[in-house]
Amino acid sequence: MVKLSDTHEKEARELRAVYCDALIQAAEHDPRIVAIDCDVSSSLGTKNFAKRFPDRALNVGIMEANACSMAAGMSAAGLIPFFHTFSVFASRRICDQVFQSCAYAGLNVKIIGGDAGITATNNGGTHMPFEDLGIMRLIPGVTVMEPTDGTMLQSLVPQMAETYGVQYMRFPRRQVPKIYADGSEFTIGKSVVLRQGEDAAIIANGIMVYEALKAARLLAEENIQVRVVDMFTLKPLDQEQVIESAARTGAVVTAENHQLAGGLGCAVAQVLAEHRPTPMEMVGIRDEFGEVGSQDYLAHRFGLTAQDIAAAVRRTYERKQNI
């Protein structure tokens, strides 16, 4: 059951703390779960896991490719490895190891990437992952997801542990707006409709879900009623929801903290092109590298605000009217 939070204030706890607690709880029920860190146990908040399970936690240093291959070997030996690093290193740097050692081998490896998109802030362009979801989406059989808040993150971690296969999850390290009430449960591969509307649909993921809700409120003041969908699983995509949203509204806008190439917008566009051609626009990074700055600055710099989403909806809604 999914229930929305009464307010969307920032959560008191950082997502890295929520993640670590959820992983500890899962490990208490399953002795096969192990954690592999690449000198990020402080950055990604997994120190408490090592304290609770010192014999099931490894810090291998800044050797992401080797760590990924180790995770594959552990999986082959019957363990369930959760491998942690920054999203840039969990995707670009180790793409071949994920492909060959994990996915091609049909193993059971969980890859966790921190500092999603512009939430890398002052780490700048070298550490700002705008392409990680697309890289992982291209690898056959890999599940790709981006939780929206701590409540969802807490629900997804045990599902990852219980589901065999290679899975990639990215999230910001720090606090995010609370979208869902405590106790809400989610299913990997199934989206959530947050708001009903018949004029257009916004399909968003990650931090852009909050911006999509703000955009919907702005548009409601103009009597444009927007459906908002949280598409937290990029692969497998909830195709039925994409088709239904297009059928109900006739206009679709996607919003993502990621390059447009290969990400949520491309995945949704593919479904619509094959099943229900619909006027559509995409809000996201347009073939650029990241840069240093606060999250608010970067959101405006790359056009990832509620106002940018609302403008895209207006254009798409007008196109729909002219068909």
Protein backbone atom coordinates (compact mmCIF):
# COMPACT_ATOMS: atom_id res chain seq x y z
CA MET A 1 0.00 0.00 0.00
CA VAL A 2 1.27 3.46 -0.92
CA LYS A 3 0.28 6.58 0.99
CA LEU A 4 1.50 10.10 0.32
CA SER A 5 3.15 12.21 2.99
CA ASP A 6 1.05 15.08 4.35
CA THR A 7 3.91 17.49 3.70
CA HIS A 8 6.90 17.35 1.39
CA GLU A 9 9.45 18.83 3.77
CA LYS A 10 12.98 17.49 3.67
CA GLU A 11 13.40 14.26 5.56
CA ALA A 12 15.22 14.38 8.88
CA ARG A 13 17.53 11.50 7.93
CA GLU A 14 19.98 11.33 5.07
CA LEU A 15 19.31 8.65 2.48
CA ARG A 16 22.68 7.01 3.16
CA ALA A 17 21.63 6.42 6.79
CA VAL A 18 18.27 5.02 5.72
CA TYR A 19 20.01 2.74 3.24
CA CYS A 20 22.50 1.38 5.77
CA ASP A 21 19.78 0.62 8.32
CA ALA A 22 17.73 -1.17 5.66
CA LEU A 23 20.76 -3.21 4.59
CA ILE A 24 21.49 -4.17 8.21
CA GLN A 25 17.89 -5.31 8.68
CA ALA A 26 18.07 -7.40 5.51
CA ALA A 27 21.40 -8.90 6.57
CA GLU A 28 19.99 -9.87 9.96
CA HIS A 29 17.48 -12.08 8.12
CA ASP A 30 19.88 -13.41 5.48
CA PRO A 31 23.44 -14.40 6.41
CA ARG A 32 24.44 -14.47 2.73
CA ILE A 33 24.38 -10.67 2.44
CA VAL A 34 27.81 -9.01 2.37
CA ALA A 35 28.91 -5.41 1.78
CA ILE A 36 31.82 -4.30 -0.42
CA ASP A 37 33.01 -0.70 -0.20
CA CYS A 38 35.61 1.21 -2.23
CA ASP A 39 36.75 3.69 0.44
CA VAL A 40 33.22 5.12 0.63
CA SER A 41 31.94 3.66 3.90
CA SER A 42 31.84 7.19 5.34
CA SER A 43 30.58 8.88 2.18
CA LEU A 44 27.82 6.34 1.57
CA GLY A 45 27.10 5.73 5.23
CA THR A 46 27.86 2.01 5.47
CA LYS A 47 30.18 2.14 8.51
CA ASN A 48 27.44 0.86 10.80
CA PHE A 49 27.06 -2.24 8.64
CA ALA A 50 30.75 -3.01 9.17
CA LYS A 51 30.34 -2.50 12.92
CA ARG A 52 27.33 -4.82 13.04
CA PHE A 53 28.80 -7.45 10.70
CA PRO A 54 32.62 -7.07 10.73
CA ASP A 55 33.10 -10.45 9.06
CA ARG A 56 30.67 -9.58 6.25
CA ALA A 57 32.04 -6.15 5.28
CA LEU A 58 35.02 -5.46 3.03
CA ASN A 59 36.68 -2.15 2.15
CA VAL A 60 38.90 -2.85 -0.85
CA GLY A 61 40.06 0.70 -1.45
CA ILE A 62 39.76 2.69 -4.66
CA MET A 63 39.67 -0.38 -6.91
CA GLU A 64 36.15 -0.40 -8.30
CA ALA A 65 36.78 -2.82 -11.17
CA ASN A 66 38.39 -5.35 -8.85
CA ALA A 67 35.60 -4.87 -6.31
CA CYS A 68 32.97 -5.58 -8.95
CA SER A 69 34.79 -8.75 -9.99
CA MET A 70 35.04 -9.74 -6.32
CA ALA A 71 31.29 -9.25 -5.98
CA ALA A 72 30.79 -11.54 -8.96
CA GLY A 73 32.99 -14.19 -7.36
CA MET A 74 31.13 -13.92 -4.07
CA SER A 75 27.84 -14.34 -5.89
CA ALA A 76 29.18 -17.42 -7.66
CA ALA A 77 30.04 -18.80 -4.21
CA GLY A 78 26.46 -18.31 -3.01
CA LEU A 79 26.67 -14.94 -1.27
CA ILE A 80 24.59 -11.82 -1.99
CA PRO A 81 27.05 -8.93 -2.41
CA PHE A 82 25.98 -5.28 -2.16
CA PHE A 83 28.74 -3.24 -3.82
CA HIS A 84 28.95 0.49 -2.97
CA THR A 85 30.66 3.41 -4.66
CA PHE A 86 29.84 6.74 -6.28
CA SER A 87 27.53 6.44 -9.29
CA VAL A 88 30.20 7.56 -11.74
CA PHE A 89 32.48 4.73 -10.66
CA ALA A 90 29.61 2.24 -10.41
CA SER A 91 28.77 2.77 -14.08
CA ARG A 92 31.38 4.39 -16.33
CA ARG A 93 34.46 2.97 -14.65
CA ILE A 94 33.29 -0.64 -14.26
CA CYS A 95 30.94 -1.06 -17.22
CA ASP A 96 32.83 -4.04 -18.64
CA GLN A 97 33.03 -5.82 -15.29
CA VAL A 98 29.27 -5.38 -14.78
CA PHE A 99 28.64 -6.65 -18.30
CA GLN A 100 31.05 -9.59 -18.39
CA SER A 101 31.60 -10.71 -14.81
CA CYS A 102 28.10 -10.07 -13.45
CA ALA A 103 25.33 -9.84 -16.07
CA TYR A 104 26.75 -12.11 -18.80
CA ALA A 105 27.59 -14.68 -16.14
CA GLY A 106 24.02 -14.58 -14.81
CA LEU A 107 25.05 -13.74 -11.25
CA ASN A 108 23.39 -12.05 -8.28
CA VAL A 109 25.13 -8.71 -7.64
CA LYS A 110 23.63 -5.52 -6.19
CA ILE A 111 25.36 -2.28 -7.25
CA ILE A 112 24.69 0.90 -5.27
CA GLY A 113 25.66 4.30 -6.70
CA GLY A 114 25.72 7.43 -4.56
CA ASP A 115 25.49 11.11 -5.57
CA ALA A 116 22.93 10.74 -8.36
CA GLY A 117 23.13 13.41 -11.08
CA ILE A 118 23.33 16.99 -9.84
CA THR A 119 23.23 15.86 -6.20
CA ALA A 120 27.01 15.39 -6.53
CA THR A 121 27.08 19.23 -6.25
CA ASN A 122 30.59 20.45 -5.33
CA ASN A 123 32.30 17.24 -6.46
CA GLY A 124 31.81 18.68 -9.94
CA GLY A 125 31.76 17.30 -13.45
CA THR A 126 34.20 14.43 -12.94
CA HIS A 127 31.99 12.99 -10.18
CA MET A 128 28.59 14.02 -11.54
CA PRO A 129 26.80 11.03 -13.09
CA PHE A 130 24.51 12.12 -15.92
CA GLU A 131 24.77 8.86 -17.87
CA ASP A 132 24.85 6.03 -15.31
CA LEU A 133 21.23 4.93 -15.72
CA GLY A 134 21.62 4.79 -19.49
CA ILE A 135 24.81 2.73 -19.24
CA MET A 136 23.18 0.20 -16.93
CA ARG A 137 19.95 0.16 -18.93
CA LEU A 138 21.90 -1.03 -21.99
CA ILE A 139 23.26 -4.14 -20.26
CA PRO A 140 20.94 -7.13 -20.78
CA GLY A 141 19.06 -8.33 -17.73
CA VAL A 142 20.11 -5.54 -15.36
CA THR A 143 17.37 -3.99 -13.21
CA VAL A 144 17.78 -0.20 -12.90
CA MET A 145 16.04 1.94 -10.27
CA GLU A 146 16.15 5.28 -8.48
CA PRO A 147 14.19 5.59 -5.21
CA THR A 148 12.37 8.84 -4.59
CA ASP A 149 12.73 9.17 -0.82
CA GLY A 150 13.74 7.29 2.30
CA THR A 151 10.45 5.45 2.65
CA MET A 152 10.80 3.99 -0.82
CA LEU A 153 14.48 3.21 -0.32
CA GLN A 154 13.67 1.28 2.83
CA SER A 155 11.08 -0.74 0.91
CA LEU A 156 13.32 -1.55 -2.06
CA VAL A 157 16.45 -2.81 -0.28
CA PRO A 158 14.92 -6.07 1.05
CA GLN A 159 13.33 -6.70 -2.36
CA MET A 160 16.77 -6.37 -3.95
CA ALA A 161 18.17 -8.89 -1.50
CA GLU A 162 15.34 -11.33 -2.16
CA THR A 163 15.39 -11.05 -5.97
CA TYR A 164 18.09 -12.86 -7.92
CA GLY A 165 19.96 -10.90 -10.57
CA VAL A 166 22.14 -7.87 -11.26
CA GLN A 167 20.50 -4.70 -9.96
CA TYR A 168 21.66 -1.09 -10.02
CA MET A 169 20.26 1.55 -7.68
CA ARG A 170 21.35 5.20 -7.52
CA PHE A 171 20.31 7.81 -4.97
CA PRO A 172 21.46 11.09 -3.38
CA ARG A 173 23.48 10.71 -0.21
CA ARG A 174 21.76 13.43 1.77
CA GLN A 175 18.23 14.51 2.65
CA VAL A 176 15.48 14.72 0.05
CA PRO A 177 11.84 15.86 0.28
CA LYS A 178 9.57 13.28 1.88
CA ILE A 179 7.04 12.14 -0.73
CA TYR A 180 5.63 8.99 0.87
CA ALA A 181 4.25 8.27 4.32
CA ASP A 182 6.13 5.83 6.54
CA GLY A 183 5.19 2.22 5.96
CA SER A 184 4.37 2.60 2.26
CA GLU A 185 5.36 -0.43 0.20
CA PHE A 186 6.54 -0.46 -3.40
CA THR A 187 7.14 -3.11 -6.04
CA ILE A 188 10.18 -3.02 -8.31
CA GLY A 189 8.93 -2.58 -11.88
CA LYS A 190 5.62 -0.94 -10.90
CA SER A 191 5.22 2.84 -10.95
CA VAL A 192 3.11 4.99 -8.64
CA VAL A 193 0.47 7.52 -9.72
CA LEU A 194 0.82 10.48 -7.35
CA ARG A 195 -1.75 12.79 -8.89
CA GLN A 196 -4.61 12.42 -11.34
CA GLY A 197 -5.16 14.70 -14.31
CA GLU A 198 -6.57 14.52 -17.82
CA ASP A 199 -4.72 17.31 -19.64
CA ALA A 200 -1.15 15.95 -19.60
CA ALA A 201 1.06 13.46 -17.78
CA ILE A 202 4.44 14.03 -16.15
CA ILE A 203 6.49 10.85 -15.77
CA ALA A 204 9.43 11.48 -13.44
CA ASN A 205 11.97 9.72 -11.25
CA GLY A 206 14.33 10.54 -8.39
CA ILE A 207 14.53 14.14 -7.23
CA MET A 208 12.45 15.20 -10.24
CA VAL A 209 9.31 13.67 -8.72
CA TYR A 210 9.15 16.50 -6.19
CA GLU A 211 9.67 19.04 -8.98
CA ALA A 212 6.94 17.34 -11.02
CA LEU A 213 4.47 17.72 -8.14
CA LYS A 214 5.38 21.40 -7.82
CA ALA A 215 4.90 21.83 -11.58
CA ALA A 216 1.49 20.19 -11.37
CA ARG A 217 0.41 22.66 -8.69
CA LEU A 218 1.64 25.57 -10.81
CA LEU A 219 -0.30 24.30 -13.83
CA ALA A 220 -3.44 23.72 -11.79
CA GLU A 221 -3.55 27.49 -11.22
CA GLU A 222 -3.87 27.76 -15.02
CA ASN A 223 -6.59 25.10 -15.07
CA ILE A 224 -4.26 22.52 -16.61
CA GLN A 225 -4.77 19.30 -14.67
CA VAL A 226 -1.72 17.05 -14.78
CA ARG A 227 -1.25 13.39 -13.97
CA VAL A 228 2.05 12.74 -12.11
CA VAL A 229 3.71 9.32 -12.24
CA ASP A 230 6.71 8.21 -10.20
CA MET A 231 8.59 5.87 -12.54
CA PHE A 232 11.23 4.80 -10.01
CA THR A 233 12.15 1.67 -11.96
CA LEU A 234 13.75 2.55 -15.27
CA LYS A 235 14.22 -1.09 -16.23
CA PRO A 236 12.01 -3.03 -16.41
CA LEU A 237 9.88 -0.01 -17.30
CA ASP A 238 6.21 -0.05 -16.35
CA GLN A 239 5.04 0.04 -19.97
CA GLU A 240 1.37 -0.39 -19.07
CA GLN A 241 1.48 2.80 -17.02
CA VAL A 242 3.19 4.72 -19.82
CA ILE A 243 0.54 3.63 -22.33
CA GLU A 244 -2.32 4.31 -19.91
CA SER A 245 -0.99 7.79 -19.05
CA ALA A 246 -0.70 8.63 -22.75
CA ALA A 247 -4.19 7.28 -23.46
CA ARG A 248 -5.77 9.23 -20.61
CA THR A 249 -4.04 12.56 -21.25
CA GLY A 250 -2.80 12.67 -24.85
CA ALA A 251 0.35 14.56 -23.82
CA VAL A 252 3.44 13.29 -21.97
CA VAL A 253 6.45 15.02 -20.40
CA THR A 254 9.32 13.13 -18.79
CA ALA A 255 11.58 14.63 -16.12
CA GLU A 256 14.91 13.14 -15.03
CA ASN A 257 18.14 14.07 -13.28
CA HIS A 258 20.12 12.44 -16.10
CA GLN A 259 21.17 12.81 -19.71
CA LEU A 260 18.18 12.65 -22.05
CA ALA A 261 20.09 10.16 -24.20
CA GLY A 262 19.54 6.70 -22.81
CA GLY A 263 17.51 7.67 -19.78
CA LEU A 264 13.86 7.83 -18.74
CA GLY A 265 12.78 10.04 -21.64
CA CYS A 266 14.23 7.67 -24.22
CA ALA A 267 12.68 4.65 -22.51
CA VAL A 268 9.23 6.27 -22.44
CA ALA A 269 9.56 7.55 -26.02
CA GLN A 270 10.36 4.04 -27.22
CA VAL A 271 7.19 2.67 -25.62
CA LEU A 272 5.05 5.45 -27.07
CA ALA A 273 6.57 5.11 -30.54
CA GLU A 274 5.84 1.39 -30.55
CA HIS A 275 2.41 1.39 -28.91
CA ARG A 276 0.79 4.85 -28.78
CA PRO A 277 2.40 7.82 -30.58
CA THR A 278 1.75 10.86 -28.40
CA PRO A 279 2.96 14.49 -28.26
CA MET A 280 5.90 14.40 -25.86
CA GLU A 281 8.74 16.47 -24.43
CA MET A 282 11.68 15.56 -22.21
CA VAL A 283 13.19 17.54 -19.33
CA GLY A 284 16.74 16.51 -18.45
CA ILE A 285 20.41 17.11 -19.19
CA ARG A 286 21.01 17.95 -22.84
CA ASP A 287 24.36 16.46 -23.86
CA GLU A 288 26.47 18.33 -21.28
CA PHE A 289 29.02 17.58 -18.60
CA GLY A 290 28.39 18.43 -14.97
CA GLU A 291 30.01 21.29 -13.07
CA VAL A 292 30.62 22.52 -9.54
CA GLY A 293 27.76 24.23 -7.75
CA SER A 294 24.96 23.95 -5.24
CA GLN A 295 22.06 21.69 -6.12
CA ASP A 296 19.75 24.68 -6.52
CA TYR A 297 22.19 26.40 -8.87
CA LEU A 298 22.69 23.22 -10.91
CA ALA A 299 18.94 22.60 -11.16
CA HIS A 300 18.51 26.04 -12.74
CA ARG A 301 21.69 25.71 -14.80
CA PHE A 302 20.52 22.47 -16.44
CA GLY A 303 16.80 23.22 -16.61
CA LEU A 304 15.61 20.76 -13.96
CA THR A 305 13.16 22.94 -12.04
CA ALA A 306 9.40 22.81 -11.61
CA GLN A 307 9.18 25.85 -13.87
CA ASP A 308 11.06 24.01 -16.63
CA ILE A 309 8.71 21.05 -16.33
CA ALA A 310 5.65 23.28 -16.37
CA ALA A 311 6.89 25.05 -19.51
CA ALA A 312 7.37 21.68 -21.23
CA VAL A 313 3.85 20.64 -20.25
CA ARG A 314 2.39 23.86 -21.67
CA ARG A 315 4.14 23.28 -25.00
CA THR A 316 3.07 19.65 -25.17
CA TYR A 317 -0.49 20.49 -24.15
CA GLU A 318 -0.65 23.09 -26.94
CA ARG A 319 0.61 20.55 -29.46
CA LYS A 320 -2.10 18.17 -28.33
CA GLN A 321 -4.73 20.86 -28.83
CA ASN A 322 -3.54 21.46 -32.40
CA ILE A 323 -3.71 17.83 -33.55
